[in-house]
């Protein structure tokens, strides 16, 4: 049970850091290239799509265990300290607010577009194969 509690605490800390990086990316005091890196890292951390699929043994979780923490640490290191402190405060505020329904709607919208494109592609193969 102690291991599970430790993992939950680390997951919460990773989520907080991801939110901090997201808010730092939106701050105009953050250098432009760092903002781009921060957006990419935060998007990848929050995305359900992985660079290496999780079903691949061992290396499937490698990106989650290495790439995301390293990316977050790099963004924090490259961002001015006062920006990180302000972003950290915003992340703490955001974590006590209710879930963002607009973000959920965007994710659902992206999945619907992907499903629509896949359906068009699949139907296109069916029509070409029947002639």
C-alpha atoms as a PDB file:
ATOM      1  CA  UNK A   1       0.000   0.000   0.000  1.00  0.00           C
ATOM      2  CA  UNK A   2       2.901   2.357   0.667  1.00  0.00           C
ATOM      3  CA  UNK A   3       4.108   1.935  -2.923  1.00  0.00           C
ATOM      4  CA  UNK A   4       0.659   2.830  -4.247  1.00  0.00           C
ATOM      5  CA  UNK A   5       0.519   5.956  -2.081  1.00  0.00           C
ATOM      6  CA  UNK A   6       3.976   6.982  -3.320  1.00  0.00           C
ATOM      7  CA  UNK A   7       2.950   6.464  -6.943  1.00  0.00           C
ATOM      8  CA  UNK A   8      -0.217   8.514  -6.435  1.00  0.00           C
ATOM      9  CA  UNK A   9       1.796  11.326  -4.877  1.00  0.00           C
ATOM     10  CA  UNK A  10       4.285  11.287  -7.758  1.00  0.00           C
ATOM     11  CA  UNK A  11       1.472  11.283 -10.323  1.00  0.00           C
ATOM     12  CA  UNK A  12      -0.115  14.289  -8.612  1.00  0.00           C
ATOM     13  CA  UNK A  13       3.236  16.073  -8.555  1.00  0.00           C
ATOM     14  CA  UNK A  14       3.751  15.334 -12.270  1.00  0.00           C
ATOM     15  CA  UNK A  15       0.275  16.690 -13.047  1.00  0.00           C
ATOM     16  CA  UNK A  16       1.052  19.876 -11.058  1.00  0.00           C
ATOM     17  CA  UNK A  17       4.336  20.320 -12.918  1.00  0.00           C
ATOM     18  CA  UNK A  18       2.592  19.795 -16.267  1.00  0.00           C
ATOM     19  CA  UNK A  19       0.071  22.510 -15.374  1.00  0.00           C
ATOM     20  CA  UNK A  20       2.915  24.772 -14.243  1.00  0.00           C
ATOM     21  CA  UNK A  21       4.682  24.320 -17.587  1.00  0.00           C
ATOM     22  CA  UNK A  22       1.413  24.968 -19.425  1.00  0.00           C
ATOM     23  CA  UNK A  23       0.875  28.245 -17.578  1.00  0.00           C
ATOM     24  CA  UNK A  24       4.523  29.217 -18.067  1.00  0.00           C
ATOM     25  CA  UNK A  25       4.055  28.712 -21.823  1.00  0.00           C
ATOM     26  CA  UNK A  26       1.190  31.207 -21.792  1.00  0.00           C
ATOM     27  CA  UNK A  27       3.215  33.861 -19.957  1.00  0.00           C
ATOM     28  CA  UNK A  28       4.644  36.531 -22.304  1.00  0.00           C
ATOM     29  CA  UNK A  29       7.787  36.794 -20.150  1.00  0.00           C
ATOM     30  CA  UNK A  30       8.789  33.270 -21.210  1.00  0.00           C
ATOM     31  CA  UNK A  31      11.241  33.243 -24.149  1.00  0.00           C
ATOM     32  CA  UNK A  32       9.560  32.306 -27.454  1.00  0.00           C
ATOM     33  CA  UNK A  33      11.450  29.037 -28.073  1.00  0.00           C
ATOM     34  CA  UNK A  34      10.875  27.931 -24.486  1.00  0.00           C
ATOM     35  CA  UNK A  35       7.158  28.670 -24.932  1.00  0.00           C
ATOM     36  CA  UNK A  36       7.050  26.398 -27.975  1.00  0.00           C
ATOM     37  CA  UNK A  37       8.907  23.650 -26.114  1.00  0.00           C
ATOM     38  CA  UNK A  38       6.585  24.071 -23.103  1.00  0.00           C
ATOM     39  CA  UNK A  39       3.467  23.765 -25.254  1.00  0.00           C
ATOM     40  CA  UNK A  40       4.833  20.635 -26.954  1.00  0.00           C
ATOM     41  CA  UNK A  41       5.818  19.005 -23.661  1.00  0.00           C
ATOM     42  CA  UNK A  42       2.516  19.851 -21.947  1.00  0.00           C
ATOM     43  CA  UNK A  43       0.490  18.686 -24.954  1.00  0.00           C
ATOM     44  CA  UNK A  44       2.419  15.422 -25.120  1.00  0.00           C
ATOM     45  CA  UNK A  45       2.064  14.857 -21.372  1.00  0.00           C
ATOM     46  CA  UNK A  46      -1.698  15.439 -21.503  1.00  0.00           C
ATOM     47  CA  UNK A  47      -2.268  13.631 -24.803  1.00  0.00           C
ATOM     48  CA  UNK A  48      -3.632  10.095 -24.787  1.00  0.00           C
ATOM     49  CA  UNK A  49      -1.452   9.363 -27.847  1.00  0.00           C
ATOM     50  CA  UNK A  50       2.118   8.222 -27.110  1.00  0.00           C
ATOM     51  CA  UNK A  51       5.272   8.280 -29.218  1.00  0.00           C
ATOM     52  CA  UNK A  52       5.828   4.642 -28.283  1.00  0.00           C
ATOM     53  CA  UNK A  53       2.556   2.738 -27.696  1.00  0.00           C
ATOM     54  CA  UNK A  54       2.173   1.471 -24.122  1.00  0.00           C
ATOM     55  CA  UNK A  55       1.350  -2.075 -25.230  1.00  0.00           C
ATOM     56  CA  UNK A  56       4.969  -2.603 -26.373  1.00  0.00           C
ATOM     57  CA  UNK A  57       6.676  -4.374 -23.443  1.00  0.00           C
ATOM     58  CA  UNK A  58       9.134  -2.320 -21.374  1.00  0.00           C
ATOM     59  CA  UNK A  59       9.826   0.471 -23.890  1.00  0.00           C
ATOM     60  CA  UNK A  60       6.121   1.288 -24.158  1.00  0.00           C
ATOM     61  CA  UNK A  61       6.247   3.136 -20.848  1.00  0.00           C
ATOM     62  CA  UNK A  62       9.743   4.483 -21.430  1.00  0.00           C
ATOM     63  CA  UNK A  63       8.488   7.706 -22.988  1.00  0.00           C
ATOM     64  CA  UNK A  64       6.117   8.278 -20.064  1.00  0.00           C
ATOM     65  CA  UNK A  65       8.833   7.594 -17.508  1.00  0.00           C
ATOM     66  CA  UNK A  66      11.674   9.482 -19.203  1.00  0.00           C
ATOM     67  CA  UNK A  67      10.615  11.875 -21.947  1.00  0.00           C
ATOM     68  CA  UNK A  68       7.879  13.686 -20.062  1.00  0.00           C
ATOM     69  CA  UNK A  69       9.837  14.308 -16.823  1.00  0.00           C
ATOM     70  CA  UNK A  70      12.957  15.307 -18.786  1.00  0.00           C
ATOM     71  CA  UNK A  71      10.944  17.668 -20.990  1.00  0.00           C
ATOM     72  CA  UNK A  72       9.223  19.231 -17.989  1.00  0.00           C
ATOM     73  CA  UNK A  73      12.546  19.655 -16.176  1.00  0.00           C
ATOM     74  CA  UNK A  74      14.115  21.273 -19.251  1.00  0.00           C
ATOM     75  CA  UNK A  75      11.275  23.777 -19.592  1.00  0.00           C
ATOM     76  CA  UNK A  76      11.463  24.648 -15.885  1.00  0.00           C
ATOM     77  CA  UNK A  77      15.228  25.132 -16.161  1.00  0.00           C
ATOM     78  CA  UNK A  78      14.954  27.392 -19.238  1.00  0.00           C
ATOM     79  CA  UNK A  79      12.079  29.504 -17.903  1.00  0.00           C
ATOM     80  CA  UNK A  80      12.803  32.579 -15.750  1.00  0.00           C
ATOM     81  CA  UNK A  81      12.281  31.777 -12.019  1.00  0.00           C
ATOM     82  CA  UNK A  82       9.665  34.507 -11.504  1.00  0.00           C
ATOM     83  CA  UNK A  83       7.595  33.057 -14.350  1.00  0.00           C
ATOM     84  CA  UNK A  84       7.805  29.553 -12.859  1.00  0.00           C
ATOM     85  CA  UNK A  85       6.679  30.859  -9.464  1.00  0.00           C
ATOM     86  CA  UNK A  86       3.696  32.667 -10.998  1.00  0.00           C
ATOM     87  CA  UNK A  87       2.844  29.599 -13.106  1.00  0.00           C
ATOM     88  CA  UNK A  88       3.131  27.337 -10.069  1.00  0.00           C
ATOM     89  CA  UNK A  89       0.673  29.538  -8.162  1.00  0.00           C
ATOM     90  CA  UNK A  90      -1.776  29.438 -11.102  1.00  0.00           C
ATOM     91  CA  UNK A  91      -1.405  25.653 -11.326  1.00  0.00           C
ATOM     92  CA  UNK A  92      -2.264  25.293  -7.639  1.00  0.00           C
ATOM     93  CA  UNK A  93      -5.352  27.492  -8.139  1.00  0.00           C
ATOM     94  CA  UNK A  94      -6.395  25.511 -11.209  1.00  0.00           C
ATOM     95  CA  UNK A  95      -6.032  22.170  -9.447  1.00  0.00           C
ATOM     96  CA  UNK A  96      -8.714  23.092  -6.913  1.00  0.00           C
ATOM     97  CA  UNK A  97     -11.153  24.249  -9.604  1.00  0.00           C
ATOM     98  CA  UNK A  98     -13.610  21.895 -11.312  1.00  0.00           C
ATOM     99  CA  UNK A  99     -12.653  19.972 -14.442  1.00  0.00           C
ATOM    100  CA  UNK A 100     -12.340  21.988 -17.665  1.00  0.00           C
ATOM    101  CA  UNK A 101     -15.251  21.038 -19.873  1.00  0.00           C
ATOM    102  CA  UNK A 102     -13.914  23.115 -22.760  1.00  0.00           C
ATOM    103  CA  UNK A 103     -10.694  21.085 -22.808  1.00  0.00           C
ATOM    104  CA  UNK A 104     -12.724  17.876 -22.724  1.00  0.00           C
ATOM    105  CA  UNK A 105     -14.824  19.142 -25.635  1.00  0.00           C
ATOM    106  CA  UNK A 106     -11.683  19.871 -27.670  1.00  0.00           C
ATOM    107  CA  UNK A 107     -10.312  16.370 -27.028  1.00  0.00           C
ATOM    108  CA  UNK A 108     -13.638  14.761 -27.936  1.00  0.00           C
ATOM    109  CA  UNK A 109     -13.752  16.924 -31.079  1.00  0.00           C
ATOM    110  CA  UNK A 110     -10.273  15.790 -32.118  1.00  0.00           C
ATOM    111  CA  UNK A 111     -11.242  12.146 -31.626  1.00  0.00           C
ATOM    112  CA  UNK A 112     -14.437  12.652 -33.656  1.00  0.00           C
ATOM    113  CA  UNK A 113     -12.445  14.185 -36.518  1.00  0.00           C
ATOM    114  CA  UNK A 114      -9.981  11.279 -36.405  1.00  0.00           C
ATOM    115  CA  UNK A 115     -12.869   8.779 -36.441  1.00  0.00           C
ATOM    116  CA  UNK A 116     -14.496  10.625 -39.369  1.00  0.00           C
ATOM    117  CA  UNK A 117     -11.212  10.641 -41.349  1.00  0.00           C
ATOM    118  CA  UNK A 118     -10.646   6.954 -40.605  1.00  0.00           C
ATOM    119  CA  UNK A 119     -14.187   6.121 -41.732  1.00  0.00           C
ATOM    120  CA  UNK A 120     -13.715   8.036 -44.998  1.00  0.00           C
ATOM    121  CA  UNK A 121     -10.398   6.271 -45.545  1.00  0.00           C
ATOM    122  CA  UNK A 122     -11.900   2.846 -44.777  1.00  0.00           C
ATOM    123  CA  UNK A 123     -14.894   3.443 -47.042  1.00  0.00           C
ATOM    124  CA  UNK A 124     -12.552   4.643 -49.778  1.00  0.00           C
ATOM    125  CA  UNK A 125     -10.659   1.347 -49.601  1.00  0.00           C
ATOM    126  CA  UNK A 126     -13.921  -0.603 -49.688  1.00  0.00           C
ATOM    127  CA  UNK A 127     -15.136   1.204 -52.818  1.00  0.00           C
ATOM    128  CA  UNK A 128     -11.813   0.842 -54.615  1.00  0.00           C
ATOM    129  CA  UNK A 129     -11.595  -2.841 -53.764  1.00  0.00           C
ATOM    130  CA  UNK A 130     -15.083  -3.613 -55.102  1.00  0.00           C
ATOM    131  CA  UNK A 131     -14.475  -2.366 -58.640  1.00  0.00           C
END
